[in-house]
Amino acid sequence: MKLPFIHINCASSIDGRISKPDGERLRISSRKDMERVHILRNELGSILVGANTIITDDPKLTVKEEYVKDHSPLNKIVIDGKGRIPAGSRFLRTEGTSFIVTSNDADTGWMDEIGSAIEEEDLDAELIILKGDGPVLKMDRVLMELADRGIDRILVEGGSTMIGQLLNEGLFDRFTIYIGPMIIGGGGPGIVGESILDELPLKLRISGVDRSSGGILLHIDK
């Protein structure tokens, strides 16, 4: 089965950080770049993030009308092998279908809580339970499950663990990084955690560079 088309996108400071040292979200992208990202969300139709993004930011995972007036509901995909995201997370209650992909080693009480929220609130959501290596899910298997559900294009927006897994396994078609004109410093998360990669350095190829509202947008190929 053909895997979905994967476009990884993230925003980074000049020193390669994607958030504050304590992991708190920091706006790096310009307004113009945010418009680009929301257009991408709408074009691809599906957005994928890791559990840490949900726990830290509690995002809605939507397309904002201020950027795209006529938009379609998104497929919202969250990878949570350990079973940690709250059942009250906002993305579950925004328009579009939500998919929570977890491991069969995740806490059964958490699974029951998520399942109860879906059933009692009649949420448009599905809990996908896969066999994992402990809580770590193999992303090729995850993508196959999503393809089985008719998802053929996905925008991956992080965080660093998720981006690292996909890069490590070569499971991406496009990779764009907006570099904002700032230095964050500290020991906060980078674009990818080094411990995730089997081989360092991971060599990629820059296929294009665009100036974007004071920042730089890198287009990267395998």
N, C-alpha and C. Protein backbone atom coordinates (compact mmCIF):
# COMPACT_ATOMS: atom_id res chain seq x y z
N MET A 1 0.84 -1.20 0.00
CA MET A 1 0.00 0.00 0.00
C MET A 1 0.88 1.25 0.00
N LYS A 2 0.48 2.23 -0.78
CA LYS A 2 1.24 3.48 -0.85
C LYS A 2 1.03 4.30 0.42
N LEU A 3 2.14 4.75 1.00
CA LEU A 3 2.06 5.56 2.21
C LEU A 3 1.65 6.99 1.85
N PRO A 4 1.09 7.72 2.81
CA PRO A 4 0.70 9.10 2.55
C PRO A 4 1.91 9.99 2.20
N PHE A 5 1.64 11.03 1.45
CA PHE A 5 2.63 12.06 1.17
C PHE A 5 2.88 12.83 2.47
N ILE A 6 4.15 12.97 2.87
CA ILE A 6 4.49 13.60 4.14
C ILE A 6 5.28 14.89 3.91
N HIS A 7 4.72 15.98 4.39
CA HIS A 7 5.41 17.28 4.35
C HIS A 7 5.67 17.69 5.80
N ILE A 8 6.94 17.70 6.20
CA ILE A 8 7.33 18.15 7.54
C ILE A 8 7.57 19.66 7.49
N ASN A 9 7.01 20.37 8.43
CA ASN A 9 7.24 21.82 8.50
C ASN A 9 7.47 22.22 9.95
N CYS A 10 8.44 23.10 10.17
CA CYS A 10 8.66 23.63 11.51
C CYS A 10 9.26 25.03 11.42
N ALA A 11 9.29 25.71 12.56
CA ALA A 11 9.90 27.03 12.67
C ALA A 11 11.00 26.96 13.72
N SER A 12 12.12 27.58 13.41
CA SER A 12 13.28 27.51 14.28
C SER A 12 13.94 28.87 14.43
N SER A 13 14.58 29.08 15.57
CA SER A 13 15.42 30.27 15.75
C SER A 13 16.73 30.08 14.99
N ILE A 14 17.54 31.11 14.94
CA ILE A 14 18.83 31.02 14.26
C ILE A 14 19.71 29.96 14.91
N ASP A 15 19.59 29.81 16.23
CA ASP A 15 20.39 28.80 16.92
C ASP A 15 19.70 27.44 17.02
N GLY A 16 18.70 27.22 16.18
CA GLY A 16 18.12 25.89 16.03
C GLY A 16 17.13 25.45 17.08
N ARG A 17 16.57 26.41 17.86
CA ARG A 17 15.60 26.06 18.89
C ARG A 17 14.18 26.27 18.37
N ILE A 18 13.25 25.43 18.86
CA ILE A 18 11.86 25.54 18.39
C ILE A 18 10.91 26.03 19.48
N SER A 19 11.44 26.22 20.69
CA SER A 19 10.62 26.74 21.78
C SER A 19 11.54 27.32 22.85
N LYS A 20 10.95 27.82 23.93
CA LYS A 20 11.75 28.34 25.03
C LYS A 20 12.49 27.20 25.73
N PRO A 21 13.54 27.53 26.52
CA PRO A 21 14.31 26.47 27.19
C PRO A 21 13.47 25.52 28.03
N ASP A 22 12.37 26.02 28.61
CA ASP A 22 11.52 25.14 29.43
C ASP A 22 10.47 24.40 28.61
N GLY A 23 10.54 24.54 27.28
CA GLY A 23 9.61 23.86 26.40
C GLY A 23 8.36 24.64 26.09
N GLU A 24 8.18 25.80 26.74
CA GLU A 24 6.99 26.62 26.48
C GLU A 24 7.00 27.15 25.06
N ARG A 25 5.83 27.19 24.46
CA ARG A 25 5.71 27.63 23.08
C ARG A 25 6.15 29.08 22.91
N LEU A 26 6.79 29.37 21.79
CA LEU A 26 7.25 30.71 21.47
C LEU A 26 6.94 30.97 20.00
N ARG A 27 6.31 32.11 19.72
CA ARG A 27 5.99 32.43 18.32
C ARG A 27 7.27 32.82 17.58
N ILE A 28 7.66 31.99 16.65
CA ILE A 28 8.86 32.23 15.84
C ILE A 28 8.48 32.71 14.44
N SER A 29 7.44 32.12 13.87
CA SER A 29 7.02 32.46 12.50
C SER A 29 6.43 33.86 12.44
N SER A 30 6.65 34.52 11.33
CA SER A 30 5.99 35.80 11.05
C SER A 30 4.54 35.55 10.67
N ARG A 31 3.77 36.61 10.62
CA ARG A 31 2.37 36.47 10.20
C ARG A 31 2.28 35.90 8.78
N LYS A 32 3.17 36.34 7.91
CA LYS A 32 3.16 35.86 6.53
C LYS A 32 3.46 34.37 6.47
N ASP A 33 4.38 33.92 7.32
CA ASP A 33 4.69 32.49 7.33
C ASP A 33 3.55 31.70 7.94
N MET A 34 2.86 32.26 8.94
CA MET A 34 1.70 31.58 9.50
C MET A 34 0.62 31.38 8.44
N GLU A 35 0.46 32.37 7.58
CA GLU A 35 -0.49 32.23 6.47
C GLU A 35 -0.08 31.08 5.57
N ARG A 36 1.22 30.96 5.27
CA ARG A 36 1.72 29.86 4.43
C ARG A 36 1.37 28.51 5.08
N VAL A 37 1.57 28.40 6.39
CA VAL A 37 1.33 27.15 7.09
C VAL A 37 -0.16 26.78 7.06
N HIS A 38 -1.02 27.75 7.28
CA HIS A 38 -2.46 27.45 7.28
C HIS A 38 -2.96 27.11 5.88
N ILE A 39 -2.37 27.71 4.88
CA ILE A 39 -2.70 27.32 3.50
C ILE A 39 -2.27 25.87 3.25
N LEU A 40 -1.07 25.51 3.77
CA LEU A 40 -0.60 24.13 3.64
C LEU A 40 -1.53 23.16 4.35
N ARG A 41 -1.96 23.52 5.55
CA ARG A 41 -2.90 22.66 6.28
C ARG A 41 -4.13 22.39 5.43
N ASN A 42 -4.67 23.44 4.86
CA ASN A 42 -5.90 23.31 4.07
C ASN A 42 -5.66 22.49 2.81
N GLU A 43 -4.52 22.69 2.16
CA GLU A 43 -4.22 21.97 0.92
C GLU A 43 -4.01 20.48 1.16
N LEU A 44 -3.30 20.14 2.24
CA LEU A 44 -3.00 18.73 2.50
C LEU A 44 -4.14 18.01 3.21
N GLY A 45 -4.91 18.75 3.99
CA GLY A 45 -6.12 18.18 4.58
C GLY A 45 -5.94 17.42 5.87
N SER A 46 -4.69 17.14 6.26
CA SER A 46 -4.43 16.40 7.49
C SER A 46 -3.21 17.00 8.18
N ILE A 47 -3.26 17.04 9.52
CA ILE A 47 -2.15 17.56 10.31
C ILE A 47 -1.78 16.53 11.36
N LEU A 48 -0.48 16.36 11.59
CA LEU A 48 0.00 15.35 12.53
C LEU A 48 0.97 15.99 13.51
N VAL A 49 0.77 15.69 14.79
CA VAL A 49 1.68 16.17 15.84
C VAL A 49 1.90 15.05 16.85
N GLY A 50 2.91 15.24 17.69
CA GLY A 50 3.16 14.30 18.77
C GLY A 50 2.44 14.69 20.04
N ALA A 51 2.47 13.80 21.03
CA ALA A 51 1.75 14.03 22.28
C ALA A 51 2.26 15.25 23.03
N ASN A 52 3.58 15.50 22.99
CA ASN A 52 4.13 16.64 23.73
C ASN A 52 3.54 17.96 23.26
N THR A 53 3.28 18.06 21.96
CA THR A 53 2.67 19.29 21.42
C THR A 53 1.30 19.52 22.03
N ILE A 54 0.52 18.45 22.17
CA ILE A 54 -0.82 18.56 22.76
C ILE A 54 -0.73 18.90 24.24
N ILE A 55 0.15 18.23 24.96
CA ILE A 55 0.28 18.44 26.40
C ILE A 55 0.77 19.84 26.71
N THR A 56 1.74 20.34 25.93
CA THR A 56 2.34 21.64 26.20
C THR A 56 1.48 22.80 25.73
N ASP A 57 0.91 22.69 24.52
CA ASP A 57 0.23 23.82 23.90
C ASP A 57 -1.29 23.72 23.87
N ASP A 58 -1.84 22.51 23.97
CA ASP A 58 -3.28 22.26 23.82
C ASP A 58 -3.84 22.99 22.60
N PRO A 59 -3.29 22.73 21.41
CA PRO A 59 -3.74 23.43 20.20
C PRO A 59 -5.09 22.92 19.70
N LYS A 60 -5.75 23.74 18.90
CA LYS A 60 -7.01 23.34 18.28
C LYS A 60 -6.79 22.51 17.02
N LEU A 61 -5.64 22.69 16.37
CA LEU A 61 -5.32 21.99 15.11
C LEU A 61 -6.38 22.26 14.05
N THR A 62 -6.55 23.50 13.72
CA THR A 62 -7.53 23.91 12.72
C THR A 62 -6.88 24.81 11.68
N VAL A 63 -7.66 25.18 10.68
CA VAL A 63 -7.26 26.21 9.72
C VAL A 63 -7.98 27.49 10.12
N LYS A 64 -7.21 28.54 10.40
CA LYS A 64 -7.82 29.79 10.85
C LYS A 64 -8.43 30.55 9.67
N GLU A 65 -9.65 31.03 9.89
CA GLU A 65 -10.37 31.74 8.84
C GLU A 65 -9.66 33.03 8.43
N GLU A 66 -8.89 33.62 9.33
CA GLU A 66 -8.19 34.85 8.98
C GLU A 66 -7.12 34.62 7.92
N TYR A 67 -6.67 33.36 7.78
CA TYR A 67 -5.67 33.03 6.77
C TYR A 67 -6.29 32.37 5.55
N VAL A 68 -7.31 31.53 5.75
CA VAL A 68 -7.98 30.83 4.65
C VAL A 68 -9.48 30.92 4.89
N LYS A 69 -10.15 31.75 4.13
CA LYS A 69 -11.59 31.97 4.37
C LYS A 69 -12.42 30.74 4.06
N ASP A 70 -12.21 30.15 2.91
CA ASP A 70 -12.98 28.96 2.53
C ASP A 70 -12.12 27.72 2.76
N HIS A 71 -12.22 27.14 3.95
CA HIS A 71 -11.37 25.99 4.27
C HIS A 71 -12.23 24.78 4.60
N SER A 72 -11.59 23.63 4.55
CA SER A 72 -12.27 22.36 4.84
C SER A 72 -11.81 21.84 6.20
N PRO A 73 -12.64 21.03 6.86
CA PRO A 73 -12.22 20.44 8.14
C PRO A 73 -10.98 19.56 7.95
N LEU A 74 -10.13 19.53 8.95
CA LEU A 74 -8.90 18.75 8.88
C LEU A 74 -9.05 17.38 9.54
N ASN A 75 -8.26 16.42 9.06
CA ASN A 75 -7.99 15.22 9.83
C ASN A 75 -6.88 15.58 10.82
N LYS A 76 -7.12 15.38 12.11
CA LYS A 76 -6.16 15.76 13.15
C LYS A 76 -5.60 14.49 13.77
N ILE A 77 -4.31 14.29 13.59
CA ILE A 77 -3.66 13.04 13.99
C ILE A 77 -2.66 13.32 15.11
N VAL A 78 -2.80 12.60 16.21
CA VAL A 78 -1.89 12.75 17.35
C VAL A 78 -1.26 11.40 17.66
N ILE A 79 0.07 11.37 17.70
CA ILE A 79 0.79 10.14 18.03
C ILE A 79 1.11 10.16 19.52
N ASP A 80 0.57 9.20 20.25
CA ASP A 80 0.70 9.19 21.71
C ASP A 80 0.91 7.75 22.19
N GLY A 81 2.11 7.24 21.96
CA GLY A 81 2.39 5.85 22.30
C GLY A 81 2.30 5.54 23.78
N LYS A 82 2.55 6.53 24.64
CA LYS A 82 2.52 6.30 26.08
C LYS A 82 1.15 6.53 26.71
N GLY A 83 0.24 7.16 25.94
CA GLY A 83 -1.10 7.42 26.48
C GLY A 83 -1.08 8.52 27.52
N ARG A 84 -0.77 9.74 27.09
CA ARG A 84 -0.59 10.84 28.04
C ARG A 84 -1.49 12.04 27.80
N ILE A 85 -2.05 12.20 26.61
CA ILE A 85 -2.79 13.43 26.34
C ILE A 85 -4.10 13.46 27.15
N PRO A 86 -4.52 14.62 27.60
CA PRO A 86 -5.77 14.70 28.37
C PRO A 86 -7.00 14.43 27.50
N ALA A 87 -7.99 13.80 28.09
CA ALA A 87 -9.25 13.54 27.38
C ALA A 87 -9.98 14.84 27.06
N GLY A 88 -9.63 15.92 27.75
CA GLY A 88 -10.26 17.21 27.50
C GLY A 88 -9.54 18.07 26.48
N SER A 89 -8.58 17.52 25.77
CA SER A 89 -7.80 18.29 24.79
C SER A 89 -8.70 18.97 23.76
N ARG A 90 -8.34 20.19 23.41
CA ARG A 90 -9.20 21.00 22.54
C ARG A 90 -9.33 20.45 21.13
N PHE A 91 -8.28 19.83 20.60
CA PHE A 91 -8.35 19.38 19.21
C PHE A 91 -9.46 18.37 18.99
N LEU A 92 -9.82 17.62 20.05
CA LEU A 92 -10.87 16.62 19.92
C LEU A 92 -12.24 17.25 19.69
N ARG A 93 -12.36 18.53 19.99
CA ARG A 93 -13.66 19.19 19.95
C ARG A 93 -13.74 20.28 18.88
N THR A 94 -12.79 20.29 17.97
CA THR A 94 -12.86 21.20 16.82
C THR A 94 -13.32 20.42 15.60
N GLU A 95 -13.69 21.14 14.56
CA GLU A 95 -14.24 20.50 13.36
C GLU A 95 -13.21 19.56 12.73
N GLY A 96 -13.72 18.50 12.11
CA GLY A 96 -12.85 17.51 11.48
C GLY A 96 -12.74 16.25 12.33
N THR A 97 -12.14 15.22 11.75
CA THR A 97 -11.98 13.93 12.42
C THR A 97 -10.64 13.86 13.13
N SER A 98 -10.67 13.37 14.36
CA SER A 98 -9.44 13.23 15.15
C SER A 98 -9.05 11.75 15.22
N PHE A 99 -7.76 11.49 15.08
CA PHE A 99 -7.20 10.15 15.23
C PHE A 99 -6.11 10.20 16.29
N ILE A 100 -6.27 9.41 17.35
CA ILE A 100 -5.24 9.28 18.38
C ILE A 100 -4.61 7.91 18.19
N VAL A 101 -3.32 7.89 17.85
CA VAL A 101 -2.63 6.63 17.60
C VAL A 101 -1.78 6.30 18.82
N THR A 102 -2.03 5.15 19.43
CA THR A 102 -1.32 4.79 20.65
C THR A 102 -0.83 3.35 20.58
N SER A 103 -0.09 2.95 21.62
CA SER A 103 0.45 1.60 21.71
C SER A 103 -0.43 0.72 22.60
N ASN A 104 -0.38 -0.58 22.34
CA ASN A 104 -1.13 -1.49 23.20
C ASN A 104 -0.52 -1.58 24.60
N ASP A 105 0.63 -0.96 24.79
CA ASP A 105 1.25 -0.91 26.11
C ASP A 105 0.84 0.33 26.89
N ALA A 106 0.05 1.20 26.29
CA ALA A 106 -0.42 2.40 26.99
C ALA A 106 -1.36 1.99 28.13
N ASP A 107 -1.49 2.87 29.11
CA ASP A 107 -2.32 2.60 30.28
C ASP A 107 -3.78 2.36 29.88
N THR A 108 -4.34 1.26 30.34
CA THR A 108 -5.72 0.92 29.96
C THR A 108 -6.72 1.90 30.54
N GLY A 109 -6.42 2.46 31.71
CA GLY A 109 -7.30 3.46 32.30
C GLY A 109 -7.38 4.70 31.43
N TRP A 110 -6.24 5.09 30.87
CA TRP A 110 -6.22 6.24 29.95
C TRP A 110 -7.03 5.92 28.70
N MET A 111 -6.87 4.71 28.15
CA MET A 111 -7.64 4.33 26.97
C MET A 111 -9.13 4.40 27.26
N ASP A 112 -9.53 3.90 28.42
CA ASP A 112 -10.95 3.94 28.79
C ASP A 112 -11.45 5.38 28.90
N GLU A 113 -10.60 6.25 29.46
CA GLU A 113 -11.00 7.65 29.62
C GLU A 113 -11.19 8.33 28.28
N ILE A 114 -10.25 8.10 27.36
CA ILE A 114 -10.38 8.67 26.01
C ILE A 114 -11.61 8.09 25.32
N GLY A 115 -11.78 6.77 25.41
CA GLY A 115 -12.93 6.13 24.77
C GLY A 115 -14.25 6.64 25.31
N SER A 116 -14.32 6.85 26.62
CA SER A 116 -15.55 7.36 27.24
C SER A 116 -15.86 8.77 26.76
N ALA A 117 -14.83 9.62 26.65
CA ALA A 117 -15.03 10.98 26.17
C ALA A 117 -15.56 10.98 24.74
N ILE A 118 -15.01 10.11 23.91
CA ILE A 118 -15.45 10.02 22.51
C ILE A 118 -16.91 9.59 22.44
N GLU A 119 -17.26 8.58 23.26
CA GLU A 119 -18.63 8.04 23.22
C GLU A 119 -19.64 8.99 23.86
N GLU A 120 -19.33 9.50 25.04
CA GLU A 120 -20.29 10.32 25.77
C GLU A 120 -20.54 11.67 25.12
N GLU A 121 -19.50 12.23 24.49
CA GLU A 121 -19.65 13.54 23.84
C GLU A 121 -19.92 13.41 22.35
N ASP A 122 -20.00 12.15 21.87
CA ASP A 122 -20.24 11.88 20.45
C ASP A 122 -19.23 12.63 19.59
N LEU A 123 -17.96 12.49 19.95
CA LEU A 123 -16.88 13.17 19.23
C LEU A 123 -16.56 12.42 17.94
N ASP A 124 -16.19 13.18 16.93
CA ASP A 124 -15.75 12.60 15.66
C ASP A 124 -14.28 12.23 15.82
N ALA A 125 -14.03 11.09 16.46
CA ALA A 125 -12.67 10.71 16.81
C ALA A 125 -12.54 9.20 16.86
N GLU A 126 -11.30 8.74 16.66
CA GLU A 126 -11.02 7.30 16.72
C GLU A 126 -9.71 7.09 17.46
N LEU A 127 -9.70 6.11 18.36
CA LEU A 127 -8.49 5.69 19.05
C LEU A 127 -7.94 4.48 18.31
N ILE A 128 -6.74 4.62 17.73
CA ILE A 128 -6.10 3.54 16.99
C ILE A 128 -5.03 2.92 17.87
N ILE A 129 -5.16 1.64 18.19
CA ILE A 129 -4.24 0.96 19.10
C ILE A 129 -3.37 0.00 18.29
N LEU A 130 -2.05 0.25 18.31
CA LEU A 130 -1.11 -0.55 17.54
C LEU A 130 -0.14 -1.27 18.48
N LYS A 131 0.41 -2.36 17.99
CA LYS A 131 1.46 -3.05 18.75
C LYS A 131 2.75 -2.27 18.59
N GLY A 132 3.36 -1.93 19.71
CA GLY A 132 4.58 -1.14 19.66
C GLY A 132 5.73 -1.84 20.34
N ASP A 133 6.92 -1.26 20.17
CA ASP A 133 8.10 -1.71 20.89
C ASP A 133 8.12 -0.95 22.20
N GLY A 134 7.35 -1.46 23.19
CA GLY A 134 7.04 -0.64 24.36
C GLY A 134 6.08 0.44 23.87
N PRO A 135 6.28 1.69 24.33
CA PRO A 135 5.41 2.77 23.90
C PRO A 135 5.82 3.39 22.56
N VAL A 136 6.93 2.92 21.99
CA VAL A 136 7.45 3.51 20.75
C VAL A 136 6.77 2.85 19.55
N LEU A 137 6.12 3.65 18.75
CA LEU A 137 5.41 3.14 17.58
C LEU A 137 6.28 3.27 16.34
N LYS A 138 6.20 2.30 15.49
CA LYS A 138 6.93 2.37 14.22
C LYS A 138 6.11 3.21 13.25
N MET A 139 6.73 4.27 12.75
CA MET A 139 5.97 5.25 11.96
C MET A 139 5.51 4.71 10.62
N ASP A 140 6.22 3.75 10.04
CA ASP A 140 5.74 3.20 8.78
C ASP A 140 4.41 2.48 9.00
N ARG A 141 4.28 1.78 10.14
CA ARG A 141 3.02 1.10 10.46
C ARG A 141 1.92 2.13 10.73
N VAL A 142 2.27 3.20 11.43
CA VAL A 142 1.29 4.26 11.69
C VAL A 142 0.77 4.82 10.38
N LEU A 143 1.68 5.11 9.46
CA LEU A 143 1.27 5.70 8.18
C LEU A 143 0.44 4.73 7.35
N MET A 144 0.72 3.44 7.46
CA MET A 144 -0.10 2.45 6.75
C MET A 144 -1.52 2.44 7.29
N GLU A 145 -1.66 2.53 8.62
CA GLU A 145 -2.99 2.57 9.22
C GLU A 145 -3.76 3.80 8.76
N LEU A 146 -3.08 4.91 8.66
CA LEU A 146 -3.73 6.14 8.22
C LEU A 146 -4.12 6.05 6.74
N ALA A 147 -3.25 5.43 5.94
CA ALA A 147 -3.57 5.23 4.53
C ALA A 147 -4.80 4.35 4.37
N ASP A 148 -4.94 3.34 5.25
CA ASP A 148 -6.12 2.47 5.23
C ASP A 148 -7.40 3.26 5.47
N ARG A 149 -7.27 4.38 6.14
CA ARG A 149 -8.44 5.23 6.45
C ARG A 149 -8.62 6.35 5.42
N GLY A 150 -7.93 6.24 4.30
CA GLY A 150 -8.11 7.18 3.21
C GLY A 150 -7.31 8.46 3.32
N ILE A 151 -6.37 8.52 4.26
CA ILE A 151 -5.54 9.72 4.42
C ILE A 151 -4.32 9.59 3.52
N ASP A 152 -4.19 10.48 2.55
CA ASP A 152 -3.10 10.33 1.59
C ASP A 152 -2.10 11.48 1.60
N ARG A 153 -2.38 12.54 2.36
CA ARG A 153 -1.44 13.67 2.44
C ARG A 153 -1.47 14.22 3.87
N ILE A 154 -0.30 14.45 4.45
CA ILE A 154 -0.22 14.87 5.84
C ILE A 154 0.82 15.96 6.01
N LEU A 155 0.47 16.99 6.77
CA LEU A 155 1.42 18.01 7.18
C LEU A 155 1.85 17.69 8.61
N VAL A 156 3.13 17.45 8.81
CA VAL A 156 3.66 17.14 10.14
C VAL A 156 4.24 18.42 10.74
N GLU A 157 3.74 18.81 11.92
CA GLU A 157 4.17 20.06 12.54
C GLU A 157 4.90 19.85 13.87
N GLY A 158 5.38 18.66 14.11
CA GLY A 158 6.21 18.46 15.31
C GLY A 158 5.56 17.57 16.34
N GLY A 159 6.27 17.54 17.46
CA GLY A 159 7.46 18.29 17.82
C GLY A 159 8.73 17.57 17.41
N SER A 160 9.81 17.86 18.14
CA SER A 160 11.14 17.40 17.74
C SER A 160 11.25 15.87 17.72
N THR A 161 10.57 15.20 18.63
CA THR A 161 10.61 13.73 18.64
C THR A 161 9.97 13.16 17.39
N MET A 162 8.80 13.69 17.05
CA MET A 162 8.10 13.19 15.87
C MET A 162 8.89 13.48 14.59
N ILE A 163 9.41 14.70 14.47
CA ILE A 163 10.20 15.06 13.30
C ILE A 163 11.42 14.14 13.21
N GLY A 164 12.08 13.90 14.35
CA GLY A 164 13.26 13.05 14.36
C GLY A 164 12.97 11.63 13.91
N GLN A 165 11.84 11.07 14.35
CA GLN A 165 11.48 9.71 13.94
C GLN A 165 11.30 9.63 12.43
N LEU A 166 10.59 10.57 11.87
CA LEU A 166 10.31 10.55 10.43
C LEU A 166 11.59 10.76 9.61
N LEU A 167 12.44 11.68 10.06
CA LEU A 167 13.70 11.90 9.36
C LEU A 167 14.59 10.67 9.45
N ASN A 168 14.64 10.07 10.64
CA ASN A 168 15.50 8.90 10.85
C ASN A 168 15.10 7.74 9.95
N GLU A 169 13.79 7.59 9.73
CA GLU A 169 13.30 6.48 8.91
C GLU A 169 13.11 6.86 7.45
N GLY A 170 13.45 8.10 7.11
CA GLY A 170 13.31 8.54 5.72
C GLY A 170 11.87 8.63 5.26
N LEU A 171 10.95 8.83 6.20
CA LEU A 171 9.52 8.83 5.87
C LEU A 171 9.01 10.25 5.67
N PHE A 172 9.54 10.92 4.66
CA PHE A 172 9.06 12.26 4.33
C PHE A 172 9.31 12.53 2.86
N ASP A 173 8.51 13.42 2.31
CA ASP A 173 8.64 13.82 0.91
C ASP A 173 9.12 15.25 0.77
N ARG A 174 8.68 16.12 1.68
CA ARG A 174 9.13 17.51 1.70
C ARG A 174 9.43 17.91 3.14
N PHE A 175 10.36 18.85 3.29
CA PHE A 175 10.73 19.33 4.62
C PHE A 175 11.03 20.81 4.49
N THR A 176 10.26 21.64 5.18
CA THR A 176 10.49 23.08 5.15
C THR A 176 10.74 23.59 6.56
N ILE A 177 11.70 24.50 6.68
CA ILE A 177 12.03 25.10 7.98
C ILE A 177 12.04 26.62 7.82
N TYR A 178 11.18 27.29 8.59
CA TYR A 178 11.22 28.75 8.64
C TYR A 178 12.19 29.13 9.75
N ILE A 179 13.22 29.91 9.42
CA ILE A 179 14.20 30.35 10.40
C ILE A 179 13.91 31.81 10.73
N GLY A 180 13.47 32.05 11.96
CA GLY A 180 13.14 33.40 12.39
C GLY A 180 14.37 34.15 12.89
N PRO A 181 14.38 35.46 12.77
CA PRO A 181 15.54 36.27 13.16
C PRO A 181 15.64 36.47 14.67
N MET A 182 15.92 35.40 15.39
CA MET A 182 16.05 35.49 16.84
C MET A 182 16.97 34.39 17.34
N ILE A 183 17.54 34.61 18.52
CA ILE A 183 18.33 33.60 19.21
C ILE A 183 17.65 33.33 20.55
N ILE A 184 17.35 32.07 20.83
CA ILE A 184 16.64 31.70 22.04
C ILE A 184 17.60 31.28 23.14
N GLY A 185 18.62 30.52 22.79
CA GLY A 185 19.60 30.09 23.78
C GLY A 185 19.05 29.05 24.74
N GLY A 186 19.86 28.70 25.73
CA GLY A 186 19.42 27.71 26.70
C GLY A 186 19.45 26.30 26.14
N GLY A 187 18.91 25.39 26.89
CA GLY A 187 18.93 23.99 26.49
C GLY A 187 17.59 23.47 26.03
N GLY A 188 16.80 24.34 25.43
CA GLY A 188 15.48 23.94 24.97
C GLY A 188 15.53 23.00 23.78
N PRO A 189 14.39 22.45 23.39
CA PRO A 189 14.35 21.49 22.28
C PRO A 189 14.76 22.10 20.96
N GLY A 190 15.51 21.32 20.19
CA GLY A 190 15.89 21.72 18.84
C GLY A 190 14.93 21.14 17.83
N ILE A 191 15.26 21.27 16.57
CA ILE A 191 14.41 20.74 15.51
C ILE A 191 14.24 19.24 15.67
N VAL A 192 15.32 18.58 16.08
CA VAL A 192 15.26 17.13 16.32
C VAL A 192 16.23 16.80 17.44
N GLY A 193 15.83 15.89 18.34
CA GLY A 193 16.73 15.43 19.38
C GLY A 193 17.77 14.47 18.81
N GLU A 194 19.03 14.68 19.13
CA GLU A 194 20.09 13.87 18.55
C GLU A 194 19.94 12.39 18.89
N SER A 195 19.42 12.08 20.06
CA SER A 195 19.32 10.69 20.48
C SER A 195 18.35 9.88 19.63
N ILE A 196 17.54 10.57 18.84
CA ILE A 196 16.54 9.88 18.02
C ILE A 196 17.16 9.32 16.75
N LEU A 197 18.23 9.95 16.28
CA LEU A 197 18.82 9.59 15.00
C LEU A 197 19.81 8.44 15.15
N ASP A 198 19.73 7.46 14.24
CA ASP A 198 20.65 6.32 14.28
C ASP A 198 22.05 6.71 13.86
N GLU A 199 22.14 7.65 12.89
CA GLU A 199 23.44 8.06 12.39
C GLU A 199 23.53 9.58 12.40
N LEU A 200 24.69 10.08 12.84
CA LEU A 200 24.96 11.51 12.81
C LEU A 200 26.27 11.77 12.08
N PRO A 201 26.35 12.80 11.24
CA PRO A 201 25.21 13.69 10.93
C PRO A 201 24.27 13.06 9.92
N LEU A 202 23.01 13.46 9.97
CA LEU A 202 22.03 13.08 8.97
C LEU A 202 22.13 14.10 7.84
N LYS A 203 22.57 13.66 6.67
CA LYS A 203 22.82 14.60 5.58
C LYS A 203 21.57 14.77 4.72
N LEU A 204 21.19 16.02 4.50
CA LEU A 204 20.05 16.38 3.66
C LEU A 204 20.53 17.35 2.59
N ARG A 205 19.63 17.75 1.72
CA ARG A 205 19.99 18.65 0.63
C ARG A 205 19.06 19.85 0.59
N ILE A 206 19.61 21.06 0.59
CA ILE A 206 18.79 22.26 0.46
C ILE A 206 18.46 22.48 -1.01
N SER A 207 17.16 22.44 -1.32
CA SER A 207 16.73 22.57 -2.71
C SER A 207 16.23 23.97 -3.04
N GLY A 208 16.04 24.81 -2.01
CA GLY A 208 15.57 26.18 -2.27
C GLY A 208 15.61 27.02 -1.01
N VAL A 209 15.76 28.32 -1.19
CA VAL A 209 15.78 29.26 -0.08
C VAL A 209 14.93 30.47 -0.46
N ASP A 210 13.96 30.82 0.39
CA ASP A 210 13.11 32.00 0.14
C ASP A 210 13.20 32.95 1.32
N ARG A 211 13.21 34.25 1.03
CA ARG A 211 13.06 35.24 2.09
C ARG A 211 11.57 35.35 2.41
N SER A 212 11.24 35.42 3.70
CA SER A 212 9.83 35.45 4.08
C SER A 212 9.64 36.34 5.30
N SER A 213 9.24 37.59 5.07
CA SER A 213 8.89 38.52 6.15
C SER A 213 9.95 38.58 7.25
N GLY A 214 11.18 38.84 6.85
CA GLY A 214 12.25 38.99 7.83
C GLY A 214 12.95 37.70 8.17
N GLY A 215 12.37 36.57 7.82
CA GLY A 215 13.00 35.28 8.07
C GLY A 215 13.42 34.62 6.78
N ILE A 216 13.83 33.36 6.89
CA ILE A 216 14.28 32.58 5.73
C ILE A 216 13.54 31.25 5.75
N LEU A 217 13.05 30.84 4.60
CA LEU A 217 12.38 29.55 4.47
C LEU A 217 13.28 28.61 3.69
N LEU A 218 13.71 27.51 4.35
CA LEU A 218 14.54 26.50 3.69
C LEU A 218 13.68 25.37 3.17
N HIS A 219 13.94 24.97 1.92
CA HIS A 219 13.30 23.80 1.33
C HIS A 219 14.35 22.69 1.30
N ILE A 220 14.04 21.55 1.93
CA ILE A 220 15.04 20.50 2.12
C ILE A 220 14.54 19.19 1.53
N ASP A 221 15.44 18.50 0.83
CA ASP A 221 15.13 17.18 0.29
C ASP A 221 15.98 16.13 1.00
N LYS A 222 15.65 14.86 0.79
CA LYS A 222 16.42 13.77 1.36
C LYS A 222 17.85 13.80 0.80
